[in-house]
């Protein structure tokens, strides 16, 4: 029996980093698995970048200690207090539990403690990403830009922004 219990953790080990990569490339994570070459490379490296202090990764586990959600943020290249939110992914069987919102809230607590100025994120314009766009808008993010054909022809990148402090 599956209960709706989960815990949010901060990534702190290579073993968990491997588990996160496995989850990200599993059939239970992304709805759109037509990864760009750079996206696949980024997803494989992201947890290890976090272990090196270049990003922060949070993950959710269920009562069996299985990874059921992942999210990541990193400060901008200029180190000016702006952050980029790359990826929020929730296991297909656990969507609707509030996991994405809980990951976002944990991230916002961290960003406030770090005196972050803003959080920027992005998504795709395809219908498969409607839920992500709704979550951004529900949480106060503003659509600030659109880059046509960014991912592939007909797939625009939508850029969202949230003031933190």
N, C-alpha and C. Protein backbone atom coordinates (compact mmCIF):
# COMPACT_ATOMS: atom_id res chain seq x y z
N UNK A 1 0.83 -1.18 0.00
CA UNK A 1 0.00 0.00 0.00
C UNK A 1 0.88 1.25 0.00
N UNK A 2 0.56 2.20 -0.86
CA UNK A 2 1.31 3.45 -0.93
C UNK A 2 0.60 4.49 -0.07
N UNK A 3 1.37 5.08 0.83
CA UNK A 3 0.83 6.19 1.61
C UNK A 3 1.33 7.48 0.97
N UNK A 4 0.74 8.56 1.34
CA UNK A 4 1.15 9.85 0.79
C UNK A 4 2.18 10.53 1.68
N UNK A 5 3.09 9.76 2.22
CA UNK A 5 4.13 10.33 3.06
C UNK A 5 5.44 10.40 2.28
N UNK A 6 6.14 11.47 2.51
CA UNK A 6 7.45 11.64 1.88
C UNK A 6 8.27 12.59 2.74
N UNK A 7 9.57 12.55 2.51
CA UNK A 7 10.50 13.44 3.20
C UNK A 7 11.37 14.14 2.16
N UNK A 8 11.72 15.39 2.44
CA UNK A 8 12.61 16.15 1.56
C UNK A 8 14.00 16.15 2.19
N UNK A 9 15.02 15.90 1.36
CA UNK A 9 16.40 15.82 1.82
C UNK A 9 17.29 16.71 0.95
N UNK A 10 18.40 17.11 1.50
CA UNK A 10 19.45 17.81 0.77
C UNK A 10 20.47 16.76 0.34
N UNK A 11 20.85 16.78 -0.90
CA UNK A 11 21.82 15.80 -1.42
C UNK A 11 23.14 15.95 -0.68
N UNK A 12 23.66 14.80 -0.18
CA UNK A 12 24.92 14.86 0.56
C UNK A 12 25.82 13.64 0.35
N UNK A 13 25.50 12.79 -0.64
CA UNK A 13 26.36 11.62 -0.84
C UNK A 13 26.40 11.20 -2.32
N UNK A 14 27.51 10.59 -2.69
CA UNK A 14 27.67 10.10 -4.06
C UNK A 14 26.67 8.98 -4.36
N UNK A 15 26.35 8.18 -3.35
CA UNK A 15 25.37 7.09 -3.56
C UNK A 15 24.01 7.67 -3.92
N UNK A 16 23.60 8.72 -3.24
CA UNK A 16 22.32 9.36 -3.56
C UNK A 16 22.40 10.06 -4.91
N UNK A 17 23.55 10.62 -5.23
CA UNK A 17 23.71 11.26 -6.54
C UNK A 17 23.47 10.24 -7.65
N UNK A 18 24.02 9.03 -7.49
CA UNK A 18 23.80 7.97 -8.49
C UNK A 18 22.32 7.61 -8.57
N UNK A 19 21.67 7.52 -7.41
CA UNK A 19 20.24 7.19 -7.39
C UNK A 19 19.40 8.27 -8.07
N UNK A 20 19.81 9.52 -7.88
CA UNK A 20 19.09 10.62 -8.52
C UNK A 20 19.23 10.54 -10.04
N UNK A 21 20.43 10.28 -10.52
CA UNK A 21 20.62 10.14 -11.98
C UNK A 21 19.77 8.99 -12.51
N UNK A 22 19.76 7.87 -11.80
CA UNK A 22 18.93 6.73 -12.21
C UNK A 22 17.46 7.14 -12.27
N UNK A 23 16.99 7.87 -11.25
CA UNK A 23 15.60 8.32 -11.25
C UNK A 23 15.32 9.25 -12.43
N UNK A 24 16.21 10.21 -12.67
CA UNK A 24 15.98 11.16 -13.74
C UNK A 24 15.85 10.50 -15.11
N UNK A 25 16.53 9.38 -15.30
CA UNK A 25 16.47 8.68 -16.59
C UNK A 25 15.54 7.47 -16.56
N UNK A 26 14.75 7.36 -15.52
CA UNK A 26 13.81 6.24 -15.42
C UNK A 26 12.52 6.57 -16.18
N UNK A 27 11.70 5.57 -16.35
CA UNK A 27 10.40 5.75 -17.01
C UNK A 27 9.41 6.49 -16.12
N UNK A 28 9.77 6.75 -14.88
CA UNK A 28 8.86 7.36 -13.92
C UNK A 28 9.04 8.87 -13.78
N UNK A 29 10.01 9.46 -14.48
CA UNK A 29 10.33 10.86 -14.22
C UNK A 29 9.69 11.80 -15.25
N UNK A 30 10.41 12.17 -16.27
CA UNK A 30 9.94 13.16 -17.24
C UNK A 30 8.88 12.59 -18.17
N UNK A 31 7.90 13.43 -18.52
CA UNK A 31 6.91 13.03 -19.51
C UNK A 31 7.49 13.12 -20.91
N UNK A 32 8.33 14.10 -21.14
CA UNK A 32 8.96 14.31 -22.44
C UNK A 32 10.41 13.86 -22.32
N UNK A 33 10.73 12.72 -22.91
CA UNK A 33 12.08 12.15 -22.79
C UNK A 33 12.90 12.36 -24.06
N UNK A 34 12.52 13.32 -24.87
CA UNK A 34 13.33 13.67 -26.04
C UNK A 34 14.37 14.69 -25.58
N UNK A 35 15.36 14.22 -24.83
CA UNK A 35 16.37 15.10 -24.27
C UNK A 35 17.24 15.70 -25.37
N UNK A 36 17.61 16.96 -25.19
CA UNK A 36 18.61 17.53 -26.07
C UNK A 36 19.96 16.94 -25.64
N UNK A 37 20.96 16.96 -26.52
CA UNK A 37 22.27 16.42 -26.10
C UNK A 37 22.81 17.12 -24.85
N UNK A 38 22.65 18.42 -24.76
CA UNK A 38 23.13 19.15 -23.59
C UNK A 38 22.33 18.84 -22.34
N UNK A 39 21.04 18.62 -22.51
CA UNK A 39 20.18 18.30 -21.37
C UNK A 39 20.56 16.96 -20.76
N UNK A 40 20.80 15.98 -21.59
CA UNK A 40 21.19 14.67 -21.08
C UNK A 40 22.51 14.77 -20.31
N UNK A 41 23.44 15.50 -20.87
CA UNK A 41 24.74 15.70 -20.20
C UNK A 41 24.54 16.43 -18.87
N UNK A 42 23.69 17.46 -18.87
CA UNK A 42 23.44 18.24 -17.66
C UNK A 42 22.79 17.38 -16.57
N UNK A 43 21.81 16.58 -16.95
CA UNK A 43 21.12 15.74 -15.97
C UNK A 43 22.06 14.72 -15.33
N UNK A 44 22.98 14.18 -16.11
CA UNK A 44 23.93 13.21 -15.56
C UNK A 44 24.94 13.87 -14.61
N UNK A 45 25.29 15.13 -14.87
CA UNK A 45 26.32 15.81 -14.08
C UNK A 45 25.76 16.58 -12.88
N UNK A 46 24.50 16.98 -12.95
CA UNK A 46 23.94 17.88 -11.96
C UNK A 46 24.12 17.45 -10.50
N UNK A 47 23.78 16.23 -10.14
CA UNK A 47 23.96 15.84 -8.73
C UNK A 47 25.42 15.89 -8.28
N UNK A 48 26.33 15.57 -9.17
CA UNK A 48 27.75 15.59 -8.81
C UNK A 48 28.26 17.03 -8.71
N UNK A 49 27.72 17.92 -9.52
CA UNK A 49 28.04 19.34 -9.38
C UNK A 49 27.60 19.85 -8.01
N UNK A 50 26.45 19.35 -7.56
CA UNK A 50 25.96 19.75 -6.23
C UNK A 50 26.91 19.26 -5.14
N UNK A 51 27.43 18.06 -5.27
CA UNK A 51 28.37 17.56 -4.28
C UNK A 51 29.66 18.38 -4.26
N UNK A 52 29.99 19.00 -5.40
CA UNK A 52 31.17 19.87 -5.48
C UNK A 52 30.86 21.31 -5.09
N UNK A 53 29.62 21.60 -4.65
CA UNK A 53 29.26 22.93 -4.20
C UNK A 53 28.86 23.89 -5.30
N UNK A 54 28.65 23.41 -6.51
CA UNK A 54 28.30 24.27 -7.63
C UNK A 54 26.79 24.42 -7.81
N UNK A 55 26.02 23.68 -7.06
CA UNK A 55 24.55 23.70 -7.14
C UNK A 55 24.03 23.11 -5.83
N UNK A 56 22.73 23.17 -5.67
CA UNK A 56 22.09 22.55 -4.52
C UNK A 56 20.97 21.66 -5.04
N UNK A 57 20.94 20.42 -4.60
CA UNK A 57 19.91 19.46 -5.03
C UNK A 57 19.14 18.98 -3.82
N UNK A 58 17.82 19.05 -3.95
CA UNK A 58 16.92 18.48 -2.95
C UNK A 58 16.22 17.30 -3.59
N UNK A 59 15.90 16.30 -2.78
CA UNK A 59 15.17 15.15 -3.33
C UNK A 59 14.16 14.68 -2.29
N UNK A 60 13.11 14.08 -2.79
CA UNK A 60 12.06 13.53 -1.94
C UNK A 60 12.13 12.02 -1.98
N UNK A 61 11.91 11.40 -0.82
CA UNK A 61 11.84 9.94 -0.75
C UNK A 61 10.50 9.53 -0.15
N UNK A 62 10.06 8.35 -0.54
CA UNK A 62 8.83 7.79 0.04
C UNK A 62 9.19 6.94 1.26
N UNK A 63 8.19 6.24 1.80
CA UNK A 63 8.41 5.46 3.02
C UNK A 63 9.36 4.28 2.80
N UNK A 64 9.61 3.92 1.54
CA UNK A 64 10.58 2.85 1.23
C UNK A 64 11.96 3.42 0.88
N UNK A 65 12.15 4.71 1.13
CA UNK A 65 13.40 5.41 0.87
C UNK A 65 13.74 5.46 -0.62
N UNK A 66 12.72 5.39 -1.48
CA UNK A 66 12.91 5.50 -2.92
C UNK A 66 12.79 6.97 -3.32
N UNK A 67 13.58 7.40 -4.27
CA UNK A 67 13.51 8.78 -4.74
C UNK A 67 12.25 8.95 -5.57
N UNK A 68 11.46 9.97 -5.19
CA UNK A 68 10.21 10.23 -5.89
C UNK A 68 10.09 11.68 -6.36
N UNK A 69 11.14 12.45 -6.15
CA UNK A 69 11.15 13.83 -6.62
C UNK A 69 12.53 14.42 -6.49
N UNK A 70 12.85 15.36 -7.41
CA UNK A 70 14.16 15.99 -7.42
C UNK A 70 14.01 17.44 -7.88
N UNK A 71 14.80 18.31 -7.29
CA UNK A 71 14.84 19.71 -7.71
C UNK A 71 16.25 20.25 -7.48
N UNK A 72 16.62 21.30 -8.23
CA UNK A 72 17.98 21.81 -8.17
C UNK A 72 18.00 23.31 -8.40
N UNK A 73 18.89 24.00 -7.73
CA UNK A 73 19.11 25.43 -7.95
C UNK A 73 20.62 25.70 -7.91
N UNK A 74 21.02 26.75 -8.62
CA UNK A 74 22.43 27.16 -8.61
C UNK A 74 22.50 28.67 -8.77
N UNK A 75 23.48 29.26 -8.08
CA UNK A 75 23.67 30.70 -8.21
C UNK A 75 24.13 31.03 -9.63
N UNK A 76 23.79 32.23 -10.09
CA UNK A 76 24.19 32.62 -11.44
C UNK A 76 25.72 32.72 -11.56
N UNK A 77 26.20 32.72 -12.78
CA UNK A 77 27.65 32.70 -13.02
C UNK A 77 28.35 33.93 -12.47
N UNK A 78 27.63 35.05 -12.35
CA UNK A 78 28.24 36.27 -11.85
C UNK A 78 28.30 36.32 -10.33
N UNK A 79 27.66 35.35 -9.66
CA UNK A 79 27.65 35.26 -8.19
C UNK A 79 27.10 36.54 -7.56
N UNK A 80 25.97 37.00 -8.09
CA UNK A 80 25.36 38.26 -7.64
C UNK A 80 24.06 38.03 -6.87
N UNK A 81 23.82 36.82 -6.43
CA UNK A 81 22.62 36.56 -5.64
C UNK A 81 21.41 36.15 -6.46
N UNK A 82 21.59 36.03 -7.74
CA UNK A 82 20.53 35.49 -8.59
C UNK A 82 20.71 34.00 -8.72
N UNK A 83 19.62 33.25 -8.73
CA UNK A 83 19.69 31.80 -8.82
C UNK A 83 18.85 31.29 -9.98
N UNK A 84 19.27 30.17 -10.50
CA UNK A 84 18.54 29.47 -11.55
C UNK A 84 17.98 28.18 -10.98
N UNK A 85 16.72 27.95 -11.23
CA UNK A 85 16.05 26.72 -10.79
C UNK A 85 16.00 25.78 -11.98
N UNK A 86 16.82 24.77 -11.93
CA UNK A 86 16.88 23.79 -13.02
C UNK A 86 16.23 22.50 -12.56
N UNK A 87 15.16 22.19 -13.16
CA UNK A 87 14.48 20.91 -12.99
C UNK A 87 13.72 20.76 -11.67
N UNK A 88 12.50 20.39 -11.83
CA UNK A 88 11.71 19.85 -10.74
C UNK A 88 10.99 18.67 -11.37
N UNK A 89 11.23 17.50 -10.83
CA UNK A 89 10.72 16.26 -11.41
C UNK A 89 10.09 15.43 -10.31
N UNK A 90 8.86 14.97 -10.55
CA UNK A 90 8.17 14.14 -9.57
C UNK A 90 7.76 12.83 -10.24
N UNK A 91 7.98 11.75 -9.54
CA UNK A 91 7.61 10.40 -9.99
C UNK A 91 6.15 10.39 -10.44
N UNK A 92 5.89 9.80 -11.56
CA UNK A 92 4.52 9.79 -12.12
C UNK A 92 3.47 9.25 -11.15
N UNK A 93 3.82 8.25 -10.36
CA UNK A 93 2.86 7.66 -9.43
C UNK A 93 2.62 8.50 -8.19
N UNK A 94 3.41 9.55 -8.02
CA UNK A 94 3.33 10.37 -6.81
C UNK A 94 2.96 11.82 -7.09
N UNK A 95 2.54 12.10 -8.31
CA UNK A 95 2.13 13.46 -8.65
C UNK A 95 0.79 13.77 -7.99
N UNK A 96 0.60 15.02 -7.68
CA UNK A 96 -0.62 15.45 -7.00
C UNK A 96 -0.51 15.36 -5.49
N UNK A 97 0.63 15.00 -4.98
CA UNK A 97 0.85 14.88 -3.53
C UNK A 97 1.40 16.16 -2.92
N UNK A 98 1.74 17.14 -3.74
CA UNK A 98 2.34 18.37 -3.24
C UNK A 98 3.86 18.32 -3.15
N UNK A 99 4.46 17.33 -3.77
CA UNK A 99 5.91 17.17 -3.68
C UNK A 99 6.64 18.31 -4.37
N UNK A 100 6.20 18.69 -5.57
CA UNK A 100 6.87 19.79 -6.28
C UNK A 100 6.78 21.08 -5.45
N UNK A 101 5.63 21.35 -4.87
CA UNK A 101 5.48 22.52 -4.02
C UNK A 101 6.36 22.47 -2.79
N UNK A 102 6.49 21.29 -2.20
CA UNK A 102 7.34 21.13 -1.02
C UNK A 102 8.82 21.32 -1.38
N UNK A 103 9.23 20.83 -2.54
CA UNK A 103 10.60 21.04 -3.00
C UNK A 103 10.85 22.53 -3.23
N UNK A 104 9.89 23.21 -3.84
CA UNK A 104 10.02 24.65 -4.06
C UNK A 104 10.11 25.40 -2.74
N UNK A 105 9.25 25.05 -1.78
CA UNK A 105 9.28 25.73 -0.49
C UNK A 105 10.62 25.53 0.21
N UNK A 106 11.15 24.32 0.17
CA UNK A 106 12.47 24.06 0.78
C UNK A 106 13.54 24.90 0.10
N UNK A 107 13.44 25.01 -1.22
CA UNK A 107 14.40 25.81 -1.97
C UNK A 107 14.28 27.29 -1.58
N UNK A 108 13.07 27.80 -1.45
CA UNK A 108 12.88 29.21 -1.10
C UNK A 108 13.42 29.52 0.29
N UNK A 109 13.25 28.60 1.23
CA UNK A 109 13.83 28.78 2.57
C UNK A 109 15.35 28.91 2.45
N UNK A 110 15.96 28.02 1.71
CA UNK A 110 17.40 28.06 1.49
C UNK A 110 17.82 29.38 0.85
N UNK A 111 17.09 29.80 -0.20
CA UNK A 111 17.45 31.02 -0.92
C UNK A 111 17.32 32.26 -0.05
N UNK A 112 16.29 32.29 0.80
CA UNK A 112 16.14 33.43 1.72
C UNK A 112 17.32 33.47 2.71
N UNK A 113 17.70 32.31 3.21
CA UNK A 113 18.84 32.25 4.14
C UNK A 113 20.14 32.66 3.45
N UNK A 114 20.22 32.41 2.15
CA UNK A 114 21.41 32.77 1.38
C UNK A 114 21.35 34.20 0.87
N UNK A 115 20.30 34.94 1.25
CA UNK A 115 20.09 36.33 0.80
C UNK A 115 20.01 36.43 -0.71
N UNK A 116 19.37 35.47 -1.33
CA UNK A 116 19.19 35.48 -2.78
C UNK A 116 18.29 36.66 -3.17
N UNK A 117 18.56 37.23 -4.33
CA UNK A 117 17.74 38.33 -4.83
C UNK A 117 16.58 37.84 -5.68
N UNK A 118 16.83 36.83 -6.48
CA UNK A 118 15.78 36.34 -7.36
C UNK A 118 16.02 34.87 -7.71
N UNK A 119 14.97 34.26 -8.25
CA UNK A 119 15.04 32.90 -8.76
C UNK A 119 14.47 32.91 -10.17
N UNK A 120 15.25 32.42 -11.12
CA UNK A 120 14.80 32.34 -12.50
C UNK A 120 14.68 30.87 -12.89
N UNK A 121 13.67 30.58 -13.67
CA UNK A 121 13.48 29.22 -14.14
C UNK A 121 12.91 29.26 -15.54
N UNK A 122 12.73 28.14 -16.12
CA UNK A 122 12.25 28.08 -17.50
C UNK A 122 11.55 26.76 -17.73
N UNK A 123 10.81 26.73 -18.80
CA UNK A 123 10.14 25.50 -19.21
C UNK A 123 9.87 25.58 -20.70
N UNK A 124 9.28 24.57 -21.23
CA UNK A 124 8.99 24.47 -22.65
C UNK A 124 7.55 24.91 -22.91
N UNK A 125 7.29 25.38 -24.10
CA UNK A 125 5.96 25.86 -24.48
C UNK A 125 4.99 24.74 -24.86
N UNK A 126 5.45 23.51 -24.96
CA UNK A 126 4.58 22.40 -25.37
C UNK A 126 3.52 22.12 -24.31
N UNK A 127 2.40 21.53 -24.71
CA UNK A 127 1.32 21.22 -23.76
C UNK A 127 1.75 20.32 -22.61
N UNK A 128 2.75 19.47 -22.81
CA UNK A 128 3.22 18.58 -21.76
C UNK A 128 3.75 19.33 -20.54
N UNK A 129 4.07 20.61 -20.71
CA UNK A 129 4.66 21.41 -19.64
C UNK A 129 3.66 22.38 -19.01
N UNK A 130 2.40 22.20 -19.31
CA UNK A 130 1.35 23.08 -18.77
C UNK A 130 1.33 23.07 -17.25
N UNK A 131 1.49 21.91 -16.64
CA UNK A 131 1.48 21.81 -15.18
C UNK A 131 2.62 22.61 -14.57
N UNK A 132 3.80 22.55 -15.16
CA UNK A 132 4.93 23.33 -14.64
C UNK A 132 4.63 24.82 -14.75
N UNK A 133 4.08 25.25 -15.88
CA UNK A 133 3.77 26.67 -16.05
C UNK A 133 2.75 27.13 -15.01
N UNK A 134 1.75 26.31 -14.76
CA UNK A 134 0.74 26.64 -13.75
C UNK A 134 1.37 26.77 -12.36
N UNK A 135 2.29 25.86 -12.03
CA UNK A 135 2.95 25.90 -10.73
C UNK A 135 3.75 27.19 -10.59
N UNK A 136 4.49 27.56 -11.63
CA UNK A 136 5.27 28.79 -11.56
C UNK A 136 4.35 29.98 -11.31
N UNK A 137 3.30 30.09 -12.10
CA UNK A 137 2.40 31.23 -11.99
C UNK A 137 1.68 31.25 -10.64
N UNK A 138 1.27 30.09 -10.15
CA UNK A 138 0.59 30.00 -8.85
C UNK A 138 1.49 30.48 -7.71
N UNK A 139 2.80 30.32 -7.88
CA UNK A 139 3.76 30.68 -6.84
C UNK A 139 4.40 32.05 -7.06
N UNK A 140 3.80 32.86 -7.91
CA UNK A 140 4.24 34.24 -8.06
C UNK A 140 5.31 34.50 -9.11
N UNK A 141 5.72 33.50 -9.85
CA UNK A 141 6.69 33.72 -10.92
C UNK A 141 6.03 34.49 -12.06
N UNK A 142 6.82 35.37 -12.68
CA UNK A 142 6.33 36.16 -13.82
C UNK A 142 7.01 35.65 -15.08
N UNK A 143 6.24 35.51 -16.14
CA UNK A 143 6.80 35.15 -17.44
C UNK A 143 7.52 36.39 -17.96
N UNK A 144 8.84 36.30 -18.13
CA UNK A 144 9.62 37.47 -18.54
C UNK A 144 10.22 37.33 -19.93
N UNK A 145 10.10 36.17 -20.55
CA UNK A 145 10.69 36.03 -21.87
C UNK A 145 10.32 34.74 -22.55
N UNK A 146 10.52 34.74 -23.84
CA UNK A 146 10.26 33.57 -24.66
C UNK A 146 11.30 33.53 -25.76
N UNK A 147 11.96 32.40 -25.88
CA UNK A 147 12.96 32.20 -26.92
C UNK A 147 12.42 31.17 -27.91
N UNK A 148 12.02 31.62 -29.11
CA UNK A 148 11.43 30.70 -30.08
C UNK A 148 12.40 29.59 -30.50
N UNK A 149 11.85 28.39 -30.68
CA UNK A 149 12.59 27.24 -31.23
C UNK A 149 13.86 26.91 -30.43
N UNK A 150 13.84 27.17 -29.14
CA UNK A 150 15.04 26.98 -28.31
C UNK A 150 15.45 25.52 -28.23
N UNK A 151 14.50 24.65 -27.93
CA UNK A 151 14.82 23.23 -27.74
C UNK A 151 14.89 22.52 -29.09
N UNK A 152 13.82 22.58 -29.81
CA UNK A 152 13.72 22.05 -31.16
C UNK A 152 12.76 22.98 -31.91
N UNK A 153 12.63 22.83 -33.21
CA UNK A 153 11.69 23.66 -33.96
C UNK A 153 10.30 23.52 -33.36
N UNK A 154 9.66 24.65 -33.10
CA UNK A 154 8.32 24.65 -32.54
C UNK A 154 8.27 24.50 -31.03
N UNK A 155 9.42 24.41 -30.38
CA UNK A 155 9.48 24.26 -28.92
C UNK A 155 10.21 25.45 -28.33
N UNK A 156 9.42 26.41 -27.86
CA UNK A 156 9.99 27.62 -27.30
C UNK A 156 10.41 27.43 -25.85
N UNK A 157 11.37 28.20 -25.43
CA UNK A 157 11.76 28.25 -24.01
C UNK A 157 11.02 29.44 -23.39
N UNK A 158 10.29 29.18 -22.31
CA UNK A 158 9.59 30.22 -21.57
C UNK A 158 10.38 30.48 -20.29
N UNK A 159 10.69 31.75 -20.05
CA UNK A 159 11.55 32.12 -18.92
C UNK A 159 10.69 32.81 -17.85
N UNK A 160 10.79 32.30 -16.63
CA UNK A 160 10.02 32.82 -15.49
C UNK A 160 10.98 33.37 -14.45
N UNK A 161 10.51 34.35 -13.67
CA UNK A 161 11.35 35.05 -12.70
C UNK A 161 10.54 35.33 -11.44
N UNK A 162 11.19 35.21 -10.27
CA UNK A 162 10.57 35.48 -8.98
C UNK A 162 11.53 36.30 -8.13
N UNK A 163 11.08 37.44 -7.61
CA UNK A 163 11.88 38.24 -6.68
C UNK A 163 11.90 37.52 -5.34
N UNK A 164 13.08 37.35 -4.74
CA UNK A 164 13.21 36.71 -3.43
C UNK A 164 13.35 37.77 -2.35
N UNK A 165 14.27 38.72 -2.54
CA UNK A 165 14.45 39.77 -1.52
C UNK A 165 14.49 41.12 -2.17
